[in-house]
Amino acid sequence: MIKELVAKNRSYRRFYESHIIEMDTLKELVDLARLSSSAANLQPLRYILSNTEDKNKSIFETLAWAGYLKDWEGPEKGERPSAYIIMLNDLDVSKSPSIDLGIAAQSILLGAVERNLGGCMIGNIDKKKLKLKLNLEDNYEILLVVALGKPKEEVIIESMDSTGDVKYWRDENSVHHVPKRSLDNIIL
């Protein structure tokens, strides 16, 4: 069961924007992060939830999408995420969130997949602009934005070729392909 969730947990970048994700669902996903492990049990992560058109648009304007797809500027209107979870570090609790960010983000995304949703962790953020838009206090540091929605694209895991090229691509049918190293190649 967990292997299926992990395999379905791809970086989706196109969604059915009209599919509403309720605030209660976003809270349930953050609760999964809350229950996850935290280095030294400091629990420095904080979250901002968004599922309204205006707030989503404001967040979307600060994000860059899919660095390997040079001719694609991100999802078009109608294919944008219908919700976001912005992950923050509370600097009053910890100067460095250690490994908490990855653990929490993965928990959120696995919970999303379990609910037939998908998402994408986005680190390419105009953090200064987003911080101003959100009117955040100085003690909050933006770490990551998790875009969420009902996936509108197919993502396929491919065996990595002999060149070792890690770049994902889209084919003529807009199917997203992601190369992965084989299990034998990563176990020493």
Protein backbone atom coordinates (compact mmCIF):
# COMPACT_ATOMS: atom_id res chain seq x y z
CA MET A 1 0.00 0.00 0.00
CA ILE A 2 2.69 2.56 0.93
CA LYS A 3 4.68 1.69 -2.22
CA GLU A 4 1.61 2.49 -4.35
CA LEU A 5 1.18 5.86 -2.62
CA VAL A 6 4.86 6.70 -3.09
CA ALA A 7 4.78 5.68 -6.76
CA LYS A 8 1.67 7.82 -7.37
CA ASN A 9 3.21 10.76 -5.54
CA ARG A 10 4.70 12.55 -8.54
CA SER A 11 5.34 16.25 -9.06
CA TYR A 12 2.09 17.21 -10.75
CA ARG A 13 2.12 20.65 -12.37
CA ARG A 14 -1.24 20.77 -14.15
CA PHE A 15 -4.54 20.44 -12.32
CA TYR A 16 -8.28 20.76 -12.70
CA GLU A 17 -8.32 24.23 -11.19
CA SER A 18 -12.09 24.18 -10.70
CA HIS A 19 -11.82 21.16 -8.36
CA ILE A 20 -12.26 22.66 -4.91
CA ILE A 21 -10.11 21.44 -2.03
CA GLU A 22 -11.89 22.24 1.20
CA MET A 23 -10.09 23.97 4.05
CA ASP A 24 -10.80 20.94 6.25
CA THR A 25 -8.85 18.77 3.80
CA LEU A 26 -5.90 21.17 3.91
CA LYS A 27 -6.01 21.06 7.71
CA GLU A 28 -6.06 17.24 7.64
CA LEU A 29 -2.96 17.27 5.41
CA VAL A 30 -1.14 19.65 7.75
CA ASP A 31 -2.15 17.42 10.65
CA LEU A 32 -0.22 14.59 8.96
CA ALA A 33 2.83 16.88 8.93
CA ARG A 34 2.22 17.81 12.58
CA LEU A 35 2.23 14.14 13.57
CA SER A 36 5.44 13.43 11.65
CA SER A 37 8.90 13.24 13.17
CA SER A 38 10.69 16.47 14.03
CA ALA A 39 14.42 16.87 14.75
CA ALA A 40 14.86 17.25 18.53
CA ASN A 41 11.04 17.44 18.58
CA LEU A 42 11.32 21.23 18.15
CA GLN A 43 8.40 21.40 15.69
CA PRO A 44 9.45 24.74 14.12
CA LEU A 45 7.30 24.47 11.01
CA ARG A 46 4.27 26.69 10.50
CA TYR A 47 1.76 26.63 7.65
CA ILE A 48 -0.36 29.04 5.65
CA LEU A 49 -3.30 27.48 3.83
CA SER A 50 -4.93 28.83 0.69
CA ASN A 51 -7.91 27.62 -1.31
CA THR A 52 -9.48 30.85 -2.59
CA GLU A 53 -9.09 32.18 -6.12
CA ASP A 54 -7.65 35.56 -5.07
CA LYS A 55 -5.12 34.21 -2.57
CA ASN A 56 -4.13 31.40 -4.95
CA LYS A 57 -3.51 33.91 -7.74
CA SER A 58 -1.36 36.00 -5.41
CA ILE A 59 0.75 32.95 -4.47
CA PHE A 60 0.96 31.68 -8.06
CA GLU A 61 2.54 34.97 -9.20
CA THR A 62 5.57 34.31 -6.96
CA LEU A 63 6.36 30.80 -8.21
CA ALA A 64 8.56 29.43 -11.00
CA TRP A 65 7.64 26.07 -12.51
CA ALA A 66 9.54 23.07 -13.98
CA GLY A 67 13.09 24.26 -14.56
CA TYR A 68 13.86 21.53 -17.10
CA LEU A 69 10.91 22.54 -19.30
CA LYS A 70 12.51 25.70 -20.72
CA ASP A 71 9.64 26.53 -23.10
CA TRP A 72 6.94 26.22 -20.42
CA GLU A 73 6.15 29.06 -18.01
CA GLY A 74 3.85 27.05 -15.81
CA PRO A 75 0.24 25.97 -15.79
CA GLU A 76 -2.25 28.06 -17.72
CA LYS A 77 -5.43 29.47 -16.23
CA GLY A 78 -7.78 26.53 -15.64
CA GLU A 79 -4.83 24.18 -14.97
CA ARG A 80 -3.40 25.94 -11.93
CA PRO A 81 -3.45 24.51 -8.41
CA SER A 82 -6.70 24.87 -6.52
CA ALA A 83 -4.91 25.07 -3.17
CA TYR A 84 -1.53 25.76 -1.61
CA ILE A 85 0.19 24.99 1.65
CA ILE A 86 3.03 27.39 2.36
CA MET A 87 5.60 25.91 4.70
CA LEU A 88 7.42 28.28 7.04
CA ASN A 89 10.13 28.05 9.65
CA ASP A 90 9.47 29.87 12.92
CA LEU A 91 12.89 31.40 13.62
CA ASP A 92 11.90 31.96 17.24
CA VAL A 93 11.83 28.17 17.63
CA SER A 94 14.77 27.13 15.44
CA LYS A 95 17.25 28.83 13.12
CA SER A 96 17.28 25.71 10.94
CA PRO A 97 14.35 23.31 10.46
CA SER A 98 16.82 20.47 9.83
CA ILE A 99 15.17 17.54 8.07
CA ASP A 100 11.66 18.47 9.20
CA LEU A 101 10.80 20.20 5.91
CA GLY A 102 11.23 17.09 3.75
CA ILE A 103 9.49 14.79 6.20
CA ALA A 104 6.51 17.13 6.58
CA ALA A 105 6.18 17.85 2.85
CA GLN A 106 6.27 14.14 2.02
CA SER A 107 3.61 13.43 4.65
CA ILE A 108 1.38 16.14 3.15
CA LEU A 109 1.82 14.83 -0.39
CA LEU A 110 1.24 11.20 0.55
CA GLY A 111 -1.96 12.28 2.29
CA ALA A 112 -2.96 14.17 -0.85
CA VAL A 113 -2.39 11.10 -3.05
CA GLU A 114 -4.47 9.00 -0.65
CA ARG A 115 -7.31 11.49 -1.30
CA ASN A 116 -6.88 11.23 -5.11
CA LEU A 117 -5.18 14.60 -5.21
CA GLY A 118 -1.68 15.47 -6.30
CA GLY A 119 0.85 18.14 -5.68
CA CYS A 120 4.22 19.63 -6.32
CA MET A 121 6.86 20.90 -3.91
CA ILE A 122 8.04 24.25 -5.19
CA GLY A 123 11.26 25.78 -3.90
CA ASN A 124 11.74 28.30 -6.72
CA ILE A 125 9.83 31.10 -5.02
CA ASP A 126 10.21 34.86 -4.99
CA LYS A 127 10.27 34.67 -1.20
CA LYS A 128 10.62 38.40 -0.64
CA LYS A 129 7.57 39.14 -2.80
CA LEU A 130 5.50 36.35 -1.23
CA LYS A 131 6.44 37.43 2.28
CA LEU A 132 5.19 40.93 1.49
CA LYS A 133 1.97 39.64 -0.08
CA LEU A 134 1.30 37.51 3.01
CA ASN A 135 2.30 40.31 5.39
CA LEU A 136 4.49 37.90 7.37
CA GLU A 137 6.32 38.89 10.51
CA ASP A 138 10.13 38.80 10.43
CA ASN A 139 10.34 35.63 12.53
CA TYR A 140 8.75 33.56 9.74
CA GLU A 141 10.96 32.26 6.94
CA ILE A 142 9.31 30.86 3.80
CA LEU A 143 10.78 27.43 3.02
CA LEU A 144 8.55 25.74 0.48
CA VAL A 145 5.22 26.02 -1.30
CA VAL A 146 3.21 22.86 -1.83
CA ALA A 147 0.83 23.25 -4.77
CA LEU A 148 -2.21 20.97 -4.61
CA GLY A 149 -5.07 19.94 -6.84
CA LYS A 150 -6.74 17.17 -8.77
CA PRO A 151 -4.07 16.15 -11.32
CA LYS A 152 -4.82 16.90 -14.96
CA GLU A 153 -1.72 15.22 -16.31
CA GLU A 154 -0.22 11.78 -16.48
CA VAL A 155 3.25 11.32 -15.00
CA ILE A 156 5.21 8.19 -15.89
CA ILE A 157 8.34 6.89 -14.18
CA GLU A 158 10.93 5.81 -16.74
CA SER A 159 14.12 3.78 -16.35
CA MET A 160 17.09 6.11 -16.59
CA ASP A 161 19.08 5.62 -19.78
CA SER A 162 22.79 4.86 -19.90
CA THR A 163 23.71 8.56 -20.15
CA GLY A 164 22.41 9.17 -16.62
CA ASP A 165 20.28 12.12 -17.76
CA VAL A 166 17.97 13.11 -14.88
CA LYS A 167 15.94 15.69 -16.82
CA TYR A 168 12.20 15.06 -17.01
CA TRP A 169 10.37 15.80 -20.25
CA ARG A 170 6.96 15.91 -21.89
CA ASP A 171 6.11 13.95 -24.99
CA GLU A 172 3.91 15.03 -27.92
CA ASN A 173 0.79 14.05 -25.90
CA SER A 174 1.88 16.17 -22.91
CA VAL A 175 2.60 13.04 -20.85
CA HIS A 176 5.26 13.91 -18.29
CA HIS A 177 8.17 11.43 -18.10
CA VAL A 178 10.50 11.20 -15.10
CA PRO A 179 13.70 9.14 -15.32
CA LYS A 180 14.68 7.20 -12.20
CA ARG A 181 17.89 5.37 -11.42
CA SER A 182 17.53 1.61 -10.98
CA LEU A 183 17.56 0.07 -7.52
CA ASP A 184 20.82 -1.73 -8.34
CA ASN A 185 22.45 1.61 -9.22
CA ILE A 186 21.69 3.24 -5.89
CA ILE A 187 22.59 0.42 -3.52
CA LEU A 188 26.35 0.26 -2.92
